[in-house]
C-alpha atoms as a PDB file:
ATOM      1  CA  MET A   1      67.538-131.040  -8.259  1.00  0.00           C
ATOM      2  CA  LYS A   2      68.835-129.723  -4.943  1.00  0.00           C
ATOM      3  CA  LEU A   3      71.037-126.654  -5.354  1.00  0.00           C
ATOM      4  CA  LYS A   4      72.382-126.431  -1.813  1.00  0.00           C
ATOM      5  CA  ASN A   5      76.136-127.194  -2.120  1.00  0.00           C
ATOM      6  CA  CYS A   6      75.590-128.198  -5.774  1.00  0.00           C
ATOM      7  CA  ARG A   7      78.808-127.801  -7.771  1.00  0.00           C
ATOM      8  CA  VAL A   8      77.914-125.691 -10.817  1.00  0.00           C
ATOM      9  CA  LEU A   9      79.919-124.861 -13.916  1.00  0.00           C
ATOM     10  CA  LEU A  10      78.269-121.841 -15.563  1.00  0.00           C
ATOM     11  CA  THR A  11      79.426-120.527 -18.955  1.00  0.00           C
ATOM     12  CA  GLY A  12      78.757-116.981 -20.097  1.00  0.00           C
ATOM     13  CA  ALA A  13      78.665-115.993 -16.427  1.00  0.00           C
ATOM     14  CA  SER A  14      79.483-112.321 -16.932  1.00  0.00           C
ATOM     15  CA  GLY A  15      76.724-111.710 -19.512  1.00  0.00           C
ATOM     16  CA  GLY A  16      73.209-110.401 -18.950  1.00  0.00           C
ATOM     17  CA  ILE A  17      71.459-113.672 -18.163  1.00  0.00           C
ATOM     18  CA  GLY A  18      74.626-115.292 -16.792  1.00  0.00           C
ATOM     19  CA  ARG A  19      75.204-112.699 -14.090  1.00  0.00           C
ATOM     20  CA  HIS A  20      71.645-112.943 -12.775  1.00  0.00           C
ATOM     21  CA  LEU A  21      71.740-116.705 -13.076  1.00  0.00           C
ATOM     22  CA  ALA A  22      74.896-116.822 -10.955  1.00  0.00           C
ATOM     23  CA  MET A  23      73.264-114.626  -8.318  1.00  0.00           C
ATOM     24  CA  SER A  24      70.095-116.750  -8.224  1.00  0.00           C
ATOM     25  CA  LEU A  25      72.095-119.984  -7.928  1.00  0.00           C
ATOM     26  CA  ALA A  26      74.295-118.525  -5.203  1.00  0.00           C
ATOM     27  CA  LYS A  27      71.229-117.556  -3.160  1.00  0.00           C
ATOM     28  CA  LYS A  28      70.179-121.212  -3.305  1.00  0.00           C
ATOM     29  CA  GLY A  29      73.525-122.207  -1.836  1.00  0.00           C
ATOM     30  CA  ALA A  30      75.216-123.479  -4.997  1.00  0.00           C
ATOM     31  CA  ARG A  31      79.001-123.439  -5.339  1.00  0.00           C
ATOM     32  CA  LEU A  32      79.992-121.841  -8.632  1.00  0.00           C
ATOM     33  CA  ALA A  33      82.722-121.918 -11.240  1.00  0.00           C
ATOM     34  CA  LEU A  34      82.092-118.797 -13.329  1.00  0.00           C
ATOM     35  CA  LEU A  35      83.336-119.055 -16.913  1.00  0.00           C
ATOM     36  CA  GLY A  36      83.634-116.170 -19.317  1.00  0.00           C
ATOM     37  CA  ARG A  37      86.003-114.033 -21.381  1.00  0.00           C
ATOM     38  CA  GLN A  38      85.911-110.826 -19.322  1.00  0.00           C
ATOM     39  CA  THR A  39      88.316-111.275 -16.426  1.00  0.00           C
ATOM     40  CA  ASN A  40      87.446-108.081 -14.557  1.00  0.00           C
ATOM     41  CA  ALA A  41      83.697-108.685 -14.780  1.00  0.00           C
ATOM     42  CA  LEU A  42      84.095-112.277 -13.591  1.00  0.00           C
ATOM     43  CA  ASN A  43      86.274-111.265 -10.644  1.00  0.00           C
ATOM     44  CA  GLU A  44      83.820-108.551  -9.650  1.00  0.00           C
ATOM     45  CA  LEU A  45      80.905-110.988  -9.849  1.00  0.00           C
ATOM     46  CA  SER A  46      82.767-113.606  -7.805  1.00  0.00           C
ATOM     47  CA  TYR A  47      83.539-111.031  -5.116  1.00  0.00           C
ATOM     48  CA  THR A  48      79.892-109.887  -5.054  1.00  0.00           C
ATOM     49  CA  LEU A  49      78.616-113.442  -4.647  1.00  0.00           C
ATOM     50  CA  LYS A  50      80.995-114.220  -1.818  1.00  0.00           C
ATOM     51  CA  ALA A  51      80.002-111.028  -0.028  1.00  0.00           C
ATOM     52  CA  SER A  52      76.234-111.213  -0.537  1.00  0.00           C
ATOM     53  CA  ALA A  53      75.460-114.929  -0.630  1.00  0.00           C
ATOM     54  CA  ASP A  54      78.344-116.269   1.461  1.00  0.00           C
ATOM     55  CA  THR A  55      79.017-119.061  -1.007  1.00  0.00           C
ATOM     56  CA  GLU A  56      82.057-120.333  -2.889  1.00  0.00           C
ATOM     57  CA  SER A  57      82.614-118.966  -6.374  1.00  0.00           C
ATOM     58  CA  PHE A  58      85.608-119.080  -8.675  1.00  0.00           C
ATOM     59  CA  ALA A  59      86.257-116.859 -11.694  1.00  0.00           C
ATOM     60  CA  ILE A  60      87.753-118.681 -14.666  1.00  0.00           C
ATOM     61  CA  THR A  61      88.655-116.765 -17.816  1.00  0.00           C
ATOM     62  CA  ALA A  62      88.413-118.999 -20.876  1.00  0.00           C
ATOM     63  CA  ASP A  63      87.826-118.971 -24.620  1.00  0.00           C
ATOM     64  CA  LEU A  64      85.328-121.780 -25.095  1.00  0.00           C
ATOM     65  CA  THR A  65      85.616-121.628 -28.889  1.00  0.00           C
ATOM     66  CA  THR A  66      88.956-123.481 -28.714  1.00  0.00           C
ATOM     67  CA  HIS A  67      89.728-127.037 -27.616  1.00  0.00           C
ATOM     68  CA  GLU A  68      92.530-125.801 -25.380  1.00  0.00           C
ATOM     69  CA  GLY A  69      90.283-123.194 -23.767  1.00  0.00           C
ATOM     70  CA  ARG A  70      87.576-125.724 -22.980  1.00  0.00           C
ATOM     71  CA  CYS A  71      90.012-128.307 -21.552  1.00  0.00           C
ATOM     72  CA  THR A  72      91.771-125.746 -19.361  1.00  0.00           C
ATOM     73  CA  ALA A  73      88.466-124.294 -18.108  1.00  0.00           C
ATOM     74  CA  LEU A  74      87.034-127.693 -17.240  1.00  0.00           C
ATOM     75  CA  LYS A  75      90.228-128.739 -15.480  1.00  0.00           C
ATOM     76  CA  GLN A  76      90.298-125.548 -13.407  1.00  0.00           C
ATOM     77  CA  ALA A  77      86.604-125.773 -12.531  1.00  0.00           C
ATOM     78  CA  THR A  78      86.815-129.435 -11.505  1.00  0.00           C
ATOM     79  CA  HIS A  79      89.860-128.742  -9.359  1.00  0.00           C
ATOM     80  CA  ALA A  80      88.282-125.690  -7.693  1.00  0.00           C
ATOM     81  CA  LEU A  81      84.955-127.361  -6.885  1.00  0.00           C
ATOM     82  CA  GLY A  82      86.148-130.937  -6.437  1.00  0.00           C
ATOM     83  CA  GLY A  83      83.847-132.090  -9.239  1.00  0.00           C
ATOM     84  CA  ILE A  84      80.865-130.909 -11.288  1.00  0.00           C
ATOM     85  CA  ASP A  85      77.215-131.766 -10.561  1.00  0.00           C
ATOM     86  CA  LEU A  86      75.584-129.257 -12.902  1.00  0.00           C
ATOM     87  CA  LEU A  87      76.827-127.834 -16.213  1.00  0.00           C
ATOM     88  CA  ILE A  88      74.903-124.845 -17.547  1.00  0.00           C
ATOM     89  CA  ASN A  89      75.795-124.026 -21.162  1.00  0.00           C
ATOM     90  CA  ASN A  90      74.649-120.419 -21.153  1.00  0.00           C
ATOM     91  CA  ALA A  91      77.302-118.632 -23.254  1.00  0.00           C
ATOM     92  CA  GLY A  92      75.919-117.448 -26.570  1.00  0.00           C
ATOM     93  CA  ILE A  93      76.237-114.945 -29.405  1.00  0.00           C
ATOM     94  CA  VAL A  94      73.386-113.343 -31.337  1.00  0.00           C
ATOM     95  CA  ASP A  95      73.808-111.404 -34.582  1.00  0.00           C
ATOM     96  CA  PHE A  96      71.101-109.526 -36.514  1.00  0.00           C
ATOM     97  CA  HIS A  97      71.959-109.328 -40.230  1.00  0.00           C
ATOM     98  CA  SER A  98      70.794-110.422 -43.631  1.00  0.00           C
ATOM     99  CA  PHE A  99      72.558-113.727 -44.125  1.00  0.00           C
ATOM    100  CA  GLU A 100      74.300-112.762 -47.362  1.00  0.00           C
ATOM    101  CA  SER A 101      75.912-109.744 -45.690  1.00  0.00           C
ATOM    102  CA  GLN A 102      76.898-111.510 -42.471  1.00  0.00           C
ATOM    103  CA  ASP A 103      80.626-111.652 -41.754  1.00  0.00           C
ATOM    104  CA  PRO A 104      81.893-115.244 -42.272  1.00  0.00           C
ATOM    105  CA  VAL A 105      84.048-114.827 -39.168  1.00  0.00           C
ATOM    106  CA  ILE A 106      80.924-114.043 -37.119  1.00  0.00           C
ATOM    107  CA  ILE A 107      79.152-117.070 -38.586  1.00  0.00           C
ATOM    108  CA  ASP A 108      81.986-119.312 -37.401  1.00  0.00           C
ATOM    109  CA  ARG A 109      82.031-117.670 -33.986  1.00  0.00           C
ATOM    110  CA  ILE A 110      78.275-118.120 -33.503  1.00  0.00           C
ATOM    111  CA  PHE A 111      78.402-121.841 -34.239  1.00  0.00           C
ATOM    112  CA  GLN A 112      81.545-122.310 -32.156  1.00  0.00           C
ATOM    113  CA  THR A 113      80.014-120.541 -29.155  1.00  0.00           C
ATOM    114  CA  ASN A 114      76.346-121.536 -29.397  1.00  0.00           C
ATOM    115  CA  LEU A 115      76.784-125.148 -30.504  1.00  0.00           C
ATOM    116  CA  ILE A 116      80.304-126.597 -30.595  1.00  0.00           C
ATOM    117  CA  ALA A 117      81.295-125.336 -27.128  1.00  0.00           C
ATOM    118  CA  PRO A 118      78.222-126.837 -25.374  1.00  0.00           C
ATOM    119  CA  VAL A 119      78.562-130.115 -27.287  1.00  0.00           C
ATOM    120  CA  GLN A 120      82.268-130.491 -26.553  1.00  0.00           C
ATOM    121  CA  LEU A 121      81.993-129.415 -22.913  1.00  0.00           C
ATOM    122  CA  THR A 122      79.223-131.952 -22.441  1.00  0.00           C
ATOM    123  CA  ARG A 123      81.334-134.647 -24.079  1.00  0.00           C
ATOM    124  CA  ALA A 124      84.262-133.825 -21.806  1.00  0.00           C
ATOM    125  CA  ILE A 125      82.242-133.807 -18.591  1.00  0.00           C
ATOM    126  CA  LEU A 126      80.159-136.941 -19.200  1.00  0.00           C
ATOM    127  CA  PRO A 127      82.761-139.482 -18.000  1.00  0.00           C
ATOM    128  CA  HIS A 128      83.030-137.635 -14.681  1.00  0.00           C
ATOM    129  CA  MET A 129      79.247-137.518 -14.223  1.00  0.00           C
ATOM    130  CA  LYS A 130      78.858-141.169 -15.199  1.00  0.00           C
ATOM    131  CA  LYS A 131      81.525-142.158 -12.684  1.00  0.00           C
ATOM    132  CA  GLN A 132      79.746-140.348  -9.845  1.00  0.00           C
ATOM    133  CA  GLY A 133      76.393-141.677 -11.057  1.00  0.00           C
ATOM    134  CA  TYR A 134      74.494-138.402 -11.338  1.00  0.00           C
ATOM    135  CA  GLY A 135      74.509-134.920 -12.830  1.00  0.00           C
ATOM    136  CA  ARG A 136      72.564-132.544 -15.027  1.00  0.00           C
ATOM    137  CA  ILE A 137      73.464-130.640 -18.172  1.00  0.00           C
ATOM    138  CA  VAL A 138      71.374-127.577 -18.976  1.00  0.00           C
ATOM    139  CA  ASN A 139      71.524-126.077 -22.459  1.00  0.00           C
ATOM    140  CA  ILE A 140      70.127-122.563 -22.775  1.00  0.00           C
ATOM    141  CA  GLY A 141      68.350-122.345 -26.102  1.00  0.00           C
ATOM    142  CA  SER A 142      65.876-119.897 -27.572  1.00  0.00           C
ATOM    143  CA  THR A 143      62.409-119.638 -29.058  1.00  0.00           C
ATOM    144  CA  PHE A 144      64.406-118.932 -32.231  1.00  0.00           C
ATOM    145  CA  GLY A 145      65.655-122.519 -31.945  1.00  0.00           C
ATOM    146  CA  SER A 146      62.140-123.756 -32.711  1.00  0.00           C
ATOM    147  CA  ILE A 147      60.891-120.982 -35.009  1.00  0.00           C
ATOM    148  CA  GLY A 148      63.400-119.938 -37.656  1.00  0.00           C
ATOM    149  CA  PHE A 149      63.489-116.136 -37.796  1.00  0.00           C
ATOM    150  CA  ALA A 150      64.437-114.153 -40.867  1.00  0.00           C
ATOM    151  CA  TYR A 151      67.654-112.138 -40.466  1.00  0.00           C
ATOM    152  CA  PHE A 152      68.676-114.418 -37.584  1.00  0.00           C
ATOM    153  CA  ALA A 153      69.442-117.412 -39.796  1.00  0.00           C
ATOM    154  CA  THR A 154      72.797-118.306 -38.245  1.00  0.00           C
ATOM    155  CA  TYR A 155      71.656-117.751 -34.665  1.00  0.00           C
ATOM    156  CA  SER A 156      68.397-119.658 -35.192  1.00  0.00           C
ATOM    157  CA  SER A 157      70.108-122.612 -36.840  1.00  0.00           C
ATOM    158  CA  SER A 158      72.707-122.854 -34.050  1.00  0.00           C
ATOM    159  CA  LYS A 159      69.901-123.069 -31.489  1.00  0.00           C
ATOM    160  CA  PHE A 160      67.930-125.539 -33.629  1.00  0.00           C
ATOM    161  CA  ALA A 161      71.006-127.780 -33.560  1.00  0.00           C
ATOM    162  CA  LEU A 162      71.454-127.335 -29.794  1.00  0.00           C
ATOM    163  CA  ARG A 163      67.835-128.356 -29.259  1.00  0.00           C
ATOM    164  CA  GLY A 164      68.325-131.482 -31.395  1.00  0.00           C
ATOM    165  CA  PHE A 165      71.508-132.345 -29.527  1.00  0.00           C
ATOM    166  CA  SER A 166      69.741-131.977 -26.181  1.00  0.00           C
ATOM    167  CA  GLU A 167      66.824-134.163 -27.229  1.00  0.00           C
ATOM    168  CA  SER A 168      69.021-136.892 -28.687  1.00  0.00           C
ATOM    169  CA  LEU A 169      71.403-137.041 -25.729  1.00  0.00           C
ATOM    170  CA  ARG A 170      68.529-137.006 -23.214  1.00  0.00           C
ATOM    171  CA  ARG A 171      67.166-140.159 -24.822  1.00  0.00           C
ATOM    172  CA  GLU A 172      70.600-141.739 -25.011  1.00  0.00           C
ATOM    173  CA  LEU A 173      71.282-141.156 -21.311  1.00  0.00           C
ATOM    174  CA  ALA A 174      67.869-142.255 -20.033  1.00  0.00           C
ATOM    175  CA  GLY A 175      68.331-144.308 -16.870  1.00  0.00           C
ATOM    176  CA  SER A 176      71.945-143.225 -16.355  1.00  0.00           C
ATOM    177  CA  GLY A 177      71.238-140.728 -13.583  1.00  0.00           C
ATOM    178  CA  ILE A 178      72.322-137.859 -15.838  1.00  0.00           C
ATOM    179  CA  GLY A 179      69.603-135.447 -16.920  1.00  0.00           C
ATOM    180  CA  ILE A 180      69.581-133.169 -19.964  1.00  0.00           C
ATOM    181  CA  SER A 181      67.551-129.963 -20.062  1.00  0.00           C
ATOM    182  CA  TYR A 182      66.828-127.571 -22.919  1.00  0.00           C
ATOM    183  CA  ILE A 183      65.463-124.257 -21.649  1.00  0.00           C
ATOM    184  CA  ALA A 184      64.381-121.659 -24.195  1.00  0.00           C
ATOM    185  CA  PRO A 185      63.750-117.984 -23.382  1.00  0.00           C
ATOM    186  CA  ARG A 186      62.292-115.603 -25.919  1.00  0.00           C
ATOM    187  CA  ALA A 187      64.061-112.284 -26.634  1.00  0.00           C
ATOM    188  CA  VAL A 188      65.916-110.919 -23.604  1.00  0.00           C
ATOM    189  CA  LYS A 189      67.123-107.386 -22.848  1.00  0.00           C
ATOM    190  CA  THR A 190      70.893-107.848 -22.671  1.00  0.00           C
ATOM    191  CA  PRO A 191      73.965-106.013 -24.005  1.00  0.00           C
ATOM    192  CA  ALA A 192      74.332-108.839 -26.528  1.00  0.00           C
ATOM    193  CA  ASN A 193      71.645-107.147 -28.635  1.00  0.00           C
ATOM    194  CA  SER A 194      72.555-104.325 -31.002  1.00  0.00           C
ATOM    195  CA  ASP A 195      70.683-101.018 -31.235  1.00  0.00           C
ATOM    196  CA  ALA A 196      69.161-102.303 -34.478  1.00  0.00           C
ATOM    197  CA  VAL A 197      67.616-105.232 -32.595  1.00  0.00           C
ATOM    198  CA  TYR A 198      65.944-102.919 -30.085  1.00  0.00           C
ATOM    199  CA  GLN A 199      64.645-100.656 -32.847  1.00  0.00           C
ATOM    200  CA  MET A 200      63.276-103.655 -34.711  1.00  0.00           C
ATOM    201  CA  ALA A 201      61.731-105.105 -31.555  1.00  0.00           C
ATOM    202  CA  LYS A 202      59.907-101.830 -30.893  1.00  0.00           C
ATOM    203  CA  ALA A 203      58.624-101.600 -34.467  1.00  0.00           C
ATOM    204  CA  THR A 204      57.323-105.187 -34.435  1.00  0.00           C
ATOM    205  CA  SER A 205      56.063-105.122 -30.813  1.00  0.00           C
ATOM    206  CA  MET A 206      58.354-108.048 -30.013  1.00  0.00           C
ATOM    207  CA  ASN A 207      58.196-109.220 -26.413  1.00  0.00           C
ATOM    208  CA  MET A 208      61.514-108.756 -24.607  1.00  0.00           C
ATOM    209  CA  ASP A 209      62.112-109.923 -21.043  1.00  0.00           C
ATOM    210  CA  GLU A 210      64.371-108.753 -18.235  1.00  0.00           C
ATOM    211  CA  PRO A 211      67.370-111.057 -17.682  1.00  0.00           C
ATOM    212  CA  GLU A 212      66.620-111.476 -13.963  1.00  0.00           C
ATOM    213  CA  ASP A 213      63.175-112.908 -14.811  1.00  0.00           C
ATOM    214  CA  ILE A 214      64.742-115.427 -17.180  1.00  0.00           C
ATOM    215  CA  ALA A 215      67.363-116.362 -14.590  1.00  0.00           C
ATOM    216  CA  ARG A 216      64.660-117.118 -12.006  1.00  0.00           C
ATOM    217  CA  PHE A 217      62.783-119.195 -14.589  1.00  0.00           C
ATOM    218  CA  ILE A 218      65.891-121.236 -15.437  1.00  0.00           C
ATOM    219  CA  VAL A 219      66.638-121.920 -11.765  1.00  0.00           C
ATOM    220  CA  GLN A 220      63.069-123.103 -11.150  1.00  0.00           C
ATOM    221  CA  CYS A 221      63.300-125.397 -14.183  1.00  0.00           C
ATOM    222  CA  ILE A 222      66.531-126.869 -12.801  1.00  0.00           C
ATOM    223  CA  ILE A 223      64.983-127.451  -9.362  1.00  0.00           C
ATOM    224  CA  LYS A 224      62.000-129.198 -10.995  1.00  0.00           C
ATOM    225  CA  ASN A 225      64.249-131.281 -13.314  1.00  0.00           C
ATOM    226  CA  LYS A 226      62.454-129.970 -16.400  1.00  0.00           C
ATOM    227  CA  THR A 227      63.677-131.594 -19.599  1.00  0.00           C
ATOM    228  CA  THR A 228      62.247-128.957 -21.955  1.00  0.00           C
ATOM    229  CA  ALA A 229      60.836-125.548 -21.086  1.00  0.00           C
ATOM    230  CA  TYR A 230      59.845-122.419 -23.001  1.00  0.00           C
ATOM    231  CA  TYR A 231      59.328-118.978 -21.500  1.00  0.00           C
ATOM    232  CA  GLY A 232      56.589-116.596 -22.509  1.00  0.00           C
ATOM    233  CA  TRP A 233      53.137-116.517 -24.048  1.00  0.00           C
ATOM    234  CA  PRO A 234      52.149-116.579 -26.915  1.00  0.00           C
ATOM    235  CA  GLU A 235      55.642-117.623 -28.076  1.00  0.00           C
ATOM    236  CA  LYS A 236      55.434-121.094 -26.514  1.00  0.00           C
ATOM    237  CA  PHE A 237      52.112-121.611 -28.359  1.00  0.00           C
ATOM    238  CA  PHE A 238      53.684-120.606 -31.678  1.00  0.00           C
ATOM    239  CA  VAL A 239      56.520-123.074 -31.044  1.00  0.00           C
ATOM    240  CA  HIS A 240      54.021-125.938 -31.039  1.00  0.00           C
ATOM    241  CA  LEU A 241      52.053-124.457 -33.938  1.00  0.00           C
ATOM    242  CA  ASN A 242      55.192-124.083 -36.054  1.00  0.00           C
ATOM    243  CA  ALA A 243      56.049-127.741 -35.458  1.00  0.00           C
ATOM    244  CA  LEU A 244      52.606-128.804 -36.695  1.00  0.00           C
ATOM    245  CA  LEU A 245      51.808-126.189 -39.350  1.00  0.00           C
ATOM    246  CA  PRO A 246      54.973-124.358 -40.472  1.00  0.00           C
ATOM    247  CA  LYS A 247      53.279-122.974 -43.583  1.00  0.00           C
ATOM    248  CA  LEU A 248      50.780-121.198 -41.370  1.00  0.00           C
ATOM    249  CA  ILE A 249      53.618-119.511 -39.485  1.00  0.00           C
ATOM    250  CA  ASP A 250      55.294-118.617 -42.810  1.00  0.00           C
ATOM    251  CA  ASN A 251      52.175-116.683 -43.792  1.00  0.00           C
ATOM    252  CA  ALA A 252      51.757-115.142 -40.335  1.00  0.00           C
ATOM    253  CA  LEU A 253      55.322-113.808 -40.326  1.00  0.00           C
ATOM    254  CA  HIS A 254      55.271-112.437 -43.882  1.00  0.00           C
ATOM    255  CA  LYS A 255      54.300-108.876 -42.973  1.00  0.00           C
ATOM    256  CA  GLN A 256      56.535-108.851 -39.887  1.00  0.00           C
ATOM    257  CA  ASN A 257      59.516-109.968 -41.983  1.00  0.00           C
ATOM    258  CA  GLN A 258      59.045-106.937 -44.228  1.00  0.00           C
ATOM    259  CA  ILE A 259      59.293-104.680 -41.178  1.00  0.00           C
ATOM    260  CA  ILE A 260      62.328-106.559 -39.830  1.00  0.00           C
ATOM    261  CA  ALA A 261      64.075-106.154 -43.183  1.00  0.00           C
ATOM    262  CA  ARG A 262      64.045-102.359 -42.789  1.00  0.00           C
ATOM    263  CA  PHE A 263      66.163-102.590 -39.627  1.00  0.00           C
ATOM    264  CA  ALA A 264      68.515-105.459 -40.496  1.00  0.00           C
ATOM    265  CA  PRO A 265      72.046-104.169 -41.256  1.00  0.00           C
ATOM    266  CA  LYS A 266      73.007-104.929 -44.851  1.00  0.00           C
ATOM    267  CA  THR A 267      76.768-104.556 -44.389  1.00  0.00           C
END
């Protein structure tokens, strides 16, 4: 996919991956509608992009967990850019807890942000893309969306569902000119992670990547029209192994789960 003058709607633009993703896309000449909940951060990012990359960018504050928020955001983005060629569903929430102690409000928010918002935004934008005869929708998943991790039950299941949605819709839209991509990083060093996550990651020697590396990977996947892509070794190997022999992964993770349990908040 050519990114020069590509009209991009990017959710979660002010977050760790989102910010670097916006900068990488801008350097390729993309025109950006930056969606997020932090107005000041979005405005600052938009100003930075215009100054450094000399490209169009528009900051749009929106709550994507509501129907009204999604409709307003899409309307503003379409008006600002004159249409949408690329939708990147990047906004996401991660929460590290034992499931029985997890706040029900947080559970709802995770599914609304990680799953419902991408699904509904995609549904809303499809008629426009079908009318113009082309487009691409990129859903940012996770290795945890292929390997269910203890103490990340809600997060993992939301990404499992996003992966299934991406696969199903990709097959449904085959031949339409509209591509669907599911791109899955492993753990990333962003402010979305709690201190407990970083302590656990250190104790279990979990690989954690810099957000700028993930942003570059996502952009390259978009350019190459990748339908499915996983970042990092040996995680991408374990994804395939878990699909074939889940019991083997159960046994392999048993000791690690005991370590994770020591760091997972219980309240």
